[in-house]
Amino acid sequence: MKSHQYKTDLKWTGNRGNGTAGYRSYDRSYSVMINGKPTLEGSADPAFRGDVSKWNPEELFLASLTACHMLWYLHLCADEEIHVMSYKDQASGVMEEMDNGSGKFAEVVLHPQVTITHTVNLDKAEKLHQRANEMCFIANSCNFPVRHEVKMKLI
Protein backbone atom coordinates (compact mmCIF):
# COMPACT_ATOMS: atom_id res chain seq x y z
CA MET A 1 0.00 0.00 0.00
CA LYS A 2 1.23 3.49 -0.88
CA SER A 3 0.96 6.36 1.55
CA HIS A 4 0.52 10.02 0.61
CA GLN A 5 1.00 12.87 3.03
CA TYR A 6 -0.55 16.33 2.86
CA LYS A 7 0.20 19.45 4.85
CA THR A 8 -1.71 22.65 5.38
CA ASP A 9 -1.12 25.58 7.66
CA LEU A 10 -4.16 27.17 9.24
CA LYS A 11 -4.13 30.48 11.10
CA TRP A 12 -7.09 31.98 12.92
CA THR A 13 -7.37 35.64 11.86
CA GLY A 14 -10.51 36.58 13.77
CA ASN A 15 -9.10 37.94 17.02
CA ARG A 16 -10.67 41.39 17.50
CA GLY A 17 -8.33 42.13 20.40
CA ASN A 18 -9.95 40.20 23.24
CA GLY A 19 -9.63 36.70 21.81
CA THR A 20 -12.49 34.44 22.77
CA ALA A 21 -13.58 36.51 25.77
CA GLY A 22 -17.17 35.87 24.69
CA TYR A 23 -19.03 33.97 21.98
CA ARG A 24 -19.78 37.17 20.06
CA SER A 25 -16.38 38.79 20.68
CA TYR A 26 -14.43 37.13 17.86
CA ASP A 27 -14.62 36.55 14.13
CA ARG A 28 -14.63 33.03 12.73
CA SER A 29 -12.12 34.01 10.01
CA TYR A 30 -9.06 31.93 9.19
CA SER A 31 -6.45 31.56 6.48
CA VAL A 32 -5.30 28.28 4.96
CA MET A 33 -1.80 28.33 3.55
CA ILE A 34 -0.27 25.62 1.41
CA ASN A 35 3.29 26.15 0.28
CA GLY A 36 3.42 27.62 -3.22
CA LYS A 37 -0.35 28.19 -3.53
CA PRO A 38 -2.63 31.20 -3.02
CA THR A 39 -3.94 31.66 0.50
CA LEU A 40 -7.51 30.55 1.00
CA GLU A 41 -9.61 32.83 3.20
CA GLY A 42 -12.26 31.04 5.19
CA SER A 43 -14.83 31.51 7.90
CA ALA A 44 -17.68 29.64 9.49
CA ASP A 45 -20.98 29.24 7.69
CA PRO A 46 -23.10 32.39 8.16
CA ALA A 47 -25.51 30.30 10.24
CA PHE A 48 -22.69 30.01 12.78
CA ARG A 49 -21.67 33.70 12.82
CA GLY A 50 -19.38 33.36 9.81
CA ASP A 51 -18.52 35.69 6.95
CA VAL A 52 -20.65 34.91 3.88
CA SER A 53 -17.91 36.22 1.56
CA LYS A 54 -15.41 33.55 2.65
CA TRP A 55 -15.21 29.80 2.10
CA ASN A 56 -16.65 27.72 4.93
CA PRO A 57 -15.56 24.18 5.82
CA GLU A 58 -18.82 22.66 4.62
CA GLU A 59 -18.47 24.25 1.17
CA LEU A 60 -14.86 23.14 0.96
CA PHE A 61 -15.83 19.60 1.90
CA LEU A 62 -18.51 19.49 -0.80
CA ALA A 63 -16.08 20.98 -3.34
CA SER A 64 -13.47 18.35 -2.43
CA LEU A 65 -15.96 15.54 -2.88
CA THR A 66 -17.22 16.67 -6.27
CA ALA A 67 -13.70 17.48 -7.54
CA CYS A 68 -12.40 14.06 -6.49
CA HIS A 69 -15.32 12.33 -8.21
CA MET A 70 -14.77 14.32 -11.41
CA LEU A 71 -11.05 13.56 -11.49
CA TRP A 72 -11.68 9.84 -11.08
CA TYR A 73 -14.43 9.91 -13.70
CA LEU A 74 -12.17 11.61 -16.23
CA HIS A 75 -9.41 9.09 -15.47
CA LEU A 76 -11.76 6.14 -15.97
CA CYS A 77 -13.17 7.60 -19.19
CA ALA A 78 -9.65 8.11 -20.56
CA ASP A 79 -8.82 4.48 -19.74
CA GLU A 80 -11.99 3.34 -21.55
CA GLU A 81 -11.39 5.66 -24.53
CA ILE A 82 -14.53 7.63 -23.75
CA HIS A 83 -13.96 11.19 -24.92
CA VAL A 84 -15.38 13.63 -22.39
CA MET A 85 -15.68 17.07 -23.95
CA SER A 86 -17.12 18.94 -20.95
CA TYR A 87 -17.97 18.24 -17.33
CA LYS A 88 -19.69 20.35 -14.72
CA ASP A 89 -21.39 19.56 -11.47
CA GLN A 90 -23.77 21.40 -9.18
CA ALA A 91 -23.41 19.24 -6.10
CA SER A 92 -25.65 19.60 -3.07
CA GLY A 93 -25.31 18.34 0.46
CA VAL A 94 -27.46 18.12 3.55
CA MET A 95 -25.83 18.68 6.92
CA GLU A 96 -27.89 17.91 9.98
CA GLU A 97 -27.29 19.89 13.15
CA MET A 98 -27.81 17.96 16.38
CA ASP A 99 -29.43 19.27 19.56
CA ASN A 100 -26.01 19.56 21.23
CA GLY A 101 -24.72 21.85 18.43
CA SER A 102 -22.65 19.22 16.62
CA GLY A 103 -23.53 18.16 13.12
CA LYS A 104 -22.73 15.87 10.25
CA PHE A 105 -23.47 15.49 6.59
CA ALA A 106 -26.36 13.11 6.03
CA GLU A 107 -26.13 12.99 2.25
CA VAL A 108 -24.44 14.47 -0.77
CA VAL A 109 -25.88 14.37 -4.28
CA LEU A 110 -23.60 15.00 -7.22
CA HIS A 111 -25.26 16.32 -10.39
CA PRO A 112 -22.64 15.74 -13.08
CA GLN A 113 -23.48 17.11 -16.52
CA VAL A 114 -21.18 15.39 -18.94
CA THR A 115 -20.80 15.87 -22.69
CA ILE A 116 -19.13 13.04 -24.58
CA THR A 117 -18.53 12.27 -28.23
CA HIS A 118 -21.18 10.26 -30.04
CA THR A 119 -18.80 7.36 -30.71
CA VAL A 120 -19.22 5.92 -27.24
CA ASN A 121 -21.55 3.58 -25.41
CA LEU A 122 -23.70 5.97 -23.35
CA ASP A 123 -24.67 3.28 -20.83
CA LYS A 124 -21.01 2.47 -20.18
CA ALA A 125 -20.18 6.16 -19.71
CA GLU A 126 -22.99 6.54 -17.16
CA LYS A 127 -21.92 3.42 -15.23
CA LEU A 128 -18.42 4.81 -14.82
CA HIS A 129 -19.86 7.29 -12.30
CA GLN A 130 -20.45 4.42 -9.90
CA ARG A 131 -16.89 3.21 -10.40
CA ALA A 132 -15.59 6.77 -9.87
CA ASN A 133 -17.52 6.87 -6.60
CA GLU A 134 -15.91 3.59 -5.53
CA MET A 135 -12.45 4.96 -6.33
CA CYS A 136 -12.82 8.50 -4.96
CA PHE A 137 -10.57 9.07 -1.95
CA ILE A 138 -12.95 11.59 -0.41
CA ALA A 139 -16.11 9.51 -0.96
CA ASN A 140 -14.34 6.53 0.60
CA SER A 141 -13.78 8.66 3.70
CA CYS A 142 -17.46 9.51 4.15
CA ASN A 143 -19.91 7.77 6.47
CA PHE A 144 -22.98 8.79 4.45
CA PRO A 145 -24.24 8.00 0.95
CA VAL A 146 -22.92 9.93 -2.04
CA ARG A 147 -25.56 9.72 -4.75
CA HIS A 148 -25.32 10.67 -8.42
CA GLU A 149 -27.95 12.18 -10.66
CA VAL A 150 -26.16 12.21 -13.99
CA LYS A 151 -27.12 14.02 -17.17
CA MET A 152 -25.25 12.77 -20.23
CA LYS A 153 -25.12 14.58 -23.56
CA LEU A 154 -23.76 13.22 -26.82
CA ILE A 155 -22.19 15.43 -29.46
C-alpha atoms as a PDB file:
ATOM      1  CA  MET A   1       0.000   0.000   0.000  1.00  0.00           C
ATOM      2  CA  LYS A   2       1.232   3.490  -0.881  1.00  0.00           C
ATOM      3  CA  SER A   3       0.955   6.356   1.549  1.00  0.00           C
ATOM      4  CA  HIS A   4       0.521  10.018   0.615  1.00  0.00           C
ATOM      5  CA  GLN A   5       0.997  12.873   3.034  1.00  0.00           C
ATOM      6  CA  TYR A   6      -0.548  16.327   2.863  1.00  0.00           C
ATOM      7  CA  LYS A   7       0.199  19.449   4.847  1.00  0.00           C
ATOM      8  CA  THR A   8      -1.713  22.648   5.378  1.00  0.00           C
ATOM      9  CA  ASP A   9      -1.123  25.582   7.665  1.00  0.00           C
ATOM     10  CA  LEU A  10      -4.159  27.171   9.244  1.00  0.00           C
ATOM     11  CA  LYS A  11      -4.134  30.477  11.096  1.00  0.00           C
ATOM     12  CA  TRP A  12      -7.092  31.981  12.924  1.00  0.00           C
ATOM     13  CA  THR A  13      -7.368  35.640  11.858  1.00  0.00           C
ATOM     14  CA  GLY A  14     -10.510  36.582  13.772  1.00  0.00           C
ATOM     15  CA  ASN A  15      -9.103  37.940  17.019  1.00  0.00           C
ATOM     16  CA  ARG A  16     -10.667  41.393  17.499  1.00  0.00           C
ATOM     17  CA  GLY A  17      -8.330  42.129  20.400  1.00  0.00           C
ATOM     18  CA  ASN A  18      -9.953  40.205  23.242  1.00  0.00           C
ATOM     19  CA  GLY A  19      -9.630  36.702  21.807  1.00  0.00           C
ATOM     20  CA  THR A  20     -12.486  34.438  22.766  1.00  0.00           C
ATOM     21  CA  ALA A  21     -13.582  36.508  25.770  1.00  0.00           C
ATOM     22  CA  GLY A  22     -17.175  35.870  24.686  1.00  0.00           C
ATOM     23  CA  TYR A  23     -19.032  33.970  21.982  1.00  0.00           C
ATOM     24  CA  ARG A  24     -19.780  37.171  20.058  1.00  0.00           C
ATOM     25  CA  SER A  25     -16.378  38.794  20.678  1.00  0.00           C
ATOM     26  CA  TYR A  26     -14.425  37.127  17.861  1.00  0.00           C
ATOM     27  CA  ASP A  27     -14.618  36.550  14.130  1.00  0.00           C
ATOM     28  CA  ARG A  28     -14.627  33.033  12.726  1.00  0.00           C
ATOM     29  CA  SER A  29     -12.117  34.007  10.009  1.00  0.00           C
ATOM     30  CA  TYR A  30      -9.063  31.933   9.187  1.00  0.00           C
ATOM     31  CA  SER A  31      -6.448  31.555   6.481  1.00  0.00           C
ATOM     32  CA  VAL A  32      -5.305  28.278   4.962  1.00  0.00           C
ATOM     33  CA  MET A  33      -1.803  28.325   3.552  1.00  0.00           C
ATOM     34  CA  ILE A  34      -0.269  25.621   1.407  1.00  0.00           C
ATOM     35  CA  ASN A  35       3.291  26.151   0.282  1.00  0.00           C
ATOM     36  CA  GLY A  36       3.418  27.618  -3.221  1.00  0.00           C
ATOM     37  CA  LYS A  37      -0.350  28.191  -3.531  1.00  0.00           C
ATOM     38  CA  PRO A  38      -2.625  31.200  -3.015  1.00  0.00           C
ATOM     39  CA  THR A  39      -3.936  31.659   0.502  1.00  0.00           C
ATOM     40  CA  LEU A  40      -7.512  30.546   0.998  1.00  0.00           C
ATOM     41  CA  GLU A  41      -9.607  32.833   3.202  1.00  0.00           C
ATOM     42  CA  GLY A  42     -12.256  31.035   5.188  1.00  0.00           C
ATOM     43  CA  SER A  43     -14.826  31.515   7.904  1.00  0.00           C
ATOM     44  CA  ALA A  44     -17.684  29.643   9.486  1.00  0.00           C
ATOM     45  CA  ASP A  45     -20.983  29.239   7.685  1.00  0.00           C
ATOM     46  CA  PRO A  46     -23.095  32.392   8.160  1.00  0.00           C
ATOM     47  CA  ALA A  47     -25.514  30.299  10.236  1.00  0.00           C
ATOM     48  CA  PHE A  48     -22.692  30.011  12.775  1.00  0.00           C
ATOM     49  CA  ARG A  49     -21.671  33.698  12.818  1.00  0.00           C
ATOM     50  CA  GLY A  50     -19.378  33.365   9.811  1.00  0.00           C
ATOM     51  CA  ASP A  51     -18.524  35.689   6.954  1.00  0.00           C
ATOM     52  CA  VAL A  52     -20.651  34.907   3.884  1.00  0.00           C
ATOM     53  CA  SER A  53     -17.911  36.222   1.556  1.00  0.00           C
ATOM     54  CA  LYS A  54     -15.409  33.553   2.646  1.00  0.00           C
ATOM     55  CA  TRP A  55     -15.215  29.802   2.101  1.00  0.00           C
ATOM     56  CA  ASN A  56     -16.652  27.725   4.930  1.00  0.00           C
ATOM     57  CA  PRO A  57     -15.562  24.175   5.819  1.00  0.00           C
ATOM     58  CA  GLU A  58     -18.824  22.659   4.621  1.00  0.00           C
ATOM     59  CA  GLU A  59     -18.473  24.254   1.168  1.00  0.00           C
ATOM     60  CA  LEU A  60     -14.856  23.143   0.959  1.00  0.00           C
ATOM     61  CA  PHE A  61     -15.833  19.603   1.904  1.00  0.00           C
ATOM     62  CA  LEU A  62     -18.507  19.489  -0.795  1.00  0.00           C
ATOM     63  CA  ALA A  63     -16.085  20.977  -3.342  1.00  0.00           C
ATOM     64  CA  SER A  64     -13.466  18.349  -2.431  1.00  0.00           C
ATOM     65  CA  LEU A  65     -15.961  15.543  -2.879  1.00  0.00           C
ATOM     66  CA  THR A  66     -17.219  16.674  -6.273  1.00  0.00           C
ATOM     67  CA  ALA A  67     -13.697  17.475  -7.540  1.00  0.00           C
ATOM     68  CA  CYS A  68     -12.396  14.062  -6.490  1.00  0.00           C
ATOM     69  CA  HIS A  69     -15.321  12.334  -8.214  1.00  0.00           C
ATOM     70  CA  MET A  70     -14.767  14.322 -11.410  1.00  0.00           C
ATOM     71  CA  LEU A  71     -11.045  13.559 -11.489  1.00  0.00           C
ATOM     72  CA  TRP A  72     -11.681   9.836 -11.079  1.00  0.00           C
ATOM     73  CA  TYR A  73     -14.433   9.909 -13.698  1.00  0.00           C
ATOM     74  CA  LEU A  74     -12.169  11.611 -16.227  1.00  0.00           C
ATOM     75  CA  HIS A  75      -9.413   9.094 -15.465  1.00  0.00           C
ATOM     76  CA  LEU A  76     -11.757   6.138 -15.969  1.00  0.00           C
ATOM     77  CA  CYS A  77     -13.169   7.601 -19.186  1.00  0.00           C
ATOM     78  CA  ALA A  78      -9.647   8.113 -20.564  1.00  0.00           C
ATOM     79  CA  ASP A  79      -8.824   4.480 -19.744  1.00  0.00           C
ATOM     80  CA  GLU A  80     -11.993   3.337 -21.546  1.00  0.00           C
ATOM     81  CA  GLU A  81     -11.394   5.664 -24.525  1.00  0.00           C
ATOM     82  CA  ILE A  82     -14.529   7.630 -23.755  1.00  0.00           C
ATOM     83  CA  HIS A  83     -13.959  11.192 -24.920  1.00  0.00           C
ATOM     84  CA  VAL A  84     -15.379  13.626 -22.391  1.00  0.00           C
ATOM     85  CA  MET A  85     -15.681  17.074 -23.948  1.00  0.00           C
ATOM     86  CA  SER A  86     -17.125  18.944 -20.953  1.00  0.00           C
ATOM     87  CA  TYR A  87     -17.973  18.245 -17.334  1.00  0.00           C
ATOM     88  CA  LYS A  88     -19.688  20.348 -14.724  1.00  0.00           C
ATOM     89  CA  ASP A  89     -21.390  19.561 -11.471  1.00  0.00           C
ATOM     90  CA  GLN A  90     -23.772  21.402  -9.178  1.00  0.00           C
ATOM     91  CA  ALA A  91     -23.411  19.242  -6.099  1.00  0.00           C
ATOM     92  CA  SER A  92     -25.651  19.599  -3.072  1.00  0.00           C
ATOM     93  CA  GLY A  93     -25.308  18.341   0.459  1.00  0.00           C
ATOM     94  CA  VAL A  94     -27.455  18.122   3.554  1.00  0.00           C
ATOM     95  CA  MET A  95     -25.832  18.680   6.921  1.00  0.00           C
ATOM     96  CA  GLU A  96     -27.891  17.911   9.984  1.00  0.00           C
ATOM     97  CA  GLU A  97     -27.289  19.893  13.153  1.00  0.00           C
ATOM     98  CA  MET A  98     -27.806  17.958  16.379  1.00  0.00           C
ATOM     99  CA  ASP A  99     -29.426  19.270  19.562  1.00  0.00           C
ATOM    100  CA  ASN A 100     -26.007  19.562  21.226  1.00  0.00           C
ATOM    101  CA  GLY A 101     -24.717  21.848  18.426  1.00  0.00           C
ATOM    102  CA  SER A 102     -22.650  19.220  16.618  1.00  0.00           C
ATOM    103  CA  GLY A 103     -23.534  18.159  13.118  1.00  0.00           C
ATOM    104  CA  LYS A 104     -22.730  15.873  10.245  1.00  0.00           C
ATOM    105  CA  PHE A 105     -23.472  15.492   6.594  1.00  0.00           C
ATOM    106  CA  ALA A 106     -26.355  13.113   6.026  1.00  0.00           C
ATOM    107  CA  GLU A 107     -26.129  12.988   2.249  1.00  0.00           C
ATOM    108  CA  VAL A 108     -24.445  14.473  -0.775  1.00  0.00           C
ATOM    109  CA  VAL A 109     -25.878  14.374  -4.277  1.00  0.00           C
ATOM    110  CA  LEU A 110     -23.603  14.996  -7.223  1.00  0.00           C
ATOM    111  CA  HIS A 111     -25.255  16.319 -10.390  1.00  0.00           C
ATOM    112  CA  PRO A 112     -22.637  15.736 -13.085  1.00  0.00           C
ATOM    113  CA  GLN A 113     -23.483  17.111 -16.516  1.00  0.00           C
ATOM    114  CA  VAL A 114     -21.178  15.393 -18.943  1.00  0.00           C
ATOM    115  CA  THR A 115     -20.797  15.868 -22.685  1.00  0.00           C
ATOM    116  CA  ILE A 116     -19.127  13.035 -24.575  1.00  0.00           C
ATOM    117  CA  THR A 117     -18.530  12.270 -28.233  1.00  0.00           C
ATOM    118  CA  HIS A 118     -21.178  10.255 -30.041  1.00  0.00           C
ATOM    119  CA  THR A 119     -18.804   7.362 -30.710  1.00  0.00           C
ATOM    120  CA  VAL A 120     -19.224   5.917 -27.241  1.00  0.00           C
ATOM    121  CA  ASN A 121     -21.547   3.584 -25.405  1.00  0.00           C
ATOM    122  CA  LEU A 122     -23.701   5.972 -23.347  1.00  0.00           C
ATOM    123  CA  ASP A 123     -24.671   3.280 -20.827  1.00  0.00           C
ATOM    124  CA  LYS A 124     -21.009   2.473 -20.178  1.00  0.00           C
ATOM    125  CA  ALA A 125     -20.183   6.159 -19.711  1.00  0.00           C
ATOM    126  CA  GLU A 126     -22.986   6.537 -17.158  1.00  0.00           C
ATOM    127  CA  LYS A 127     -21.925   3.419 -15.226  1.00  0.00           C
ATOM    128  CA  LEU A 128     -18.417   4.809 -14.818  1.00  0.00           C
ATOM    129  CA  HIS A 129     -19.859   7.292 -12.304  1.00  0.00           C
ATOM    130  CA  GLN A 130     -20.454   4.425  -9.897  1.00  0.00           C
ATOM    131  CA  ARG A 131     -16.894   3.209 -10.405  1.00  0.00           C
ATOM    132  CA  ALA A 132     -15.593   6.767  -9.871  1.00  0.00           C
ATOM    133  CA  ASN A 133     -17.520   6.872  -6.596  1.00  0.00           C
ATOM    134  CA  GLU A 134     -15.911   3.590  -5.533  1.00  0.00           C
ATOM    135  CA  MET A 135     -12.447   4.961  -6.332  1.00  0.00           C
ATOM    136  CA  CYS A 136     -12.825   8.503  -4.957  1.00  0.00           C
ATOM    137  CA  PHE A 137     -10.570   9.068  -1.949  1.00  0.00           C
ATOM    138  CA  ILE A 138     -12.949  11.591  -0.411  1.00  0.00           C
ATOM    139  CA  ALA A 139     -16.112   9.511  -0.958  1.00  0.00           C
ATOM    140  CA  ASN A 140     -14.338   6.533   0.596  1.00  0.00           C
ATOM    141  CA  SER A 141     -13.781   8.656   3.698  1.00  0.00           C
ATOM    142  CA  CYS A 142     -17.464   9.514   4.146  1.00  0.00           C
ATOM    143  CA  ASN A 143     -19.910   7.772   6.465  1.00  0.00           C
ATOM    144  CA  PHE A 144     -22.980   8.786   4.453  1.00  0.00           C
ATOM    145  CA  PRO A 145     -24.240   7.999   0.952  1.00  0.00           C
ATOM    146  CA  VAL A 146     -22.922   9.927  -2.037  1.00  0.00           C
ATOM    147  CA  ARG A 147     -25.557   9.716  -4.746  1.00  0.00           C
ATOM    148  CA  HIS A 148     -25.318  10.667  -8.421  1.00  0.00           C
ATOM    149  CA  GLU A 149     -27.953  12.179 -10.662  1.00  0.00           C
ATOM    150  CA  VAL A 150     -26.162  12.213 -13.990  1.00  0.00           C
ATOM    151  CA  LYS A 151     -27.118  14.023 -17.168  1.00  0.00           C
ATOM    152  CA  MET A 152     -25.246  12.774 -20.230  1.00  0.00           C
ATOM    153  CA  LYS A 153     -25.117  14.580 -23.560  1.00  0.00           C
ATOM    154  CA  LEU A 154     -23.759  13.221 -26.822  1.00  0.00           C
ATOM    155  CA  ILE A 155     -22.188  15.434 -29.464  1.00  0.00           C
END
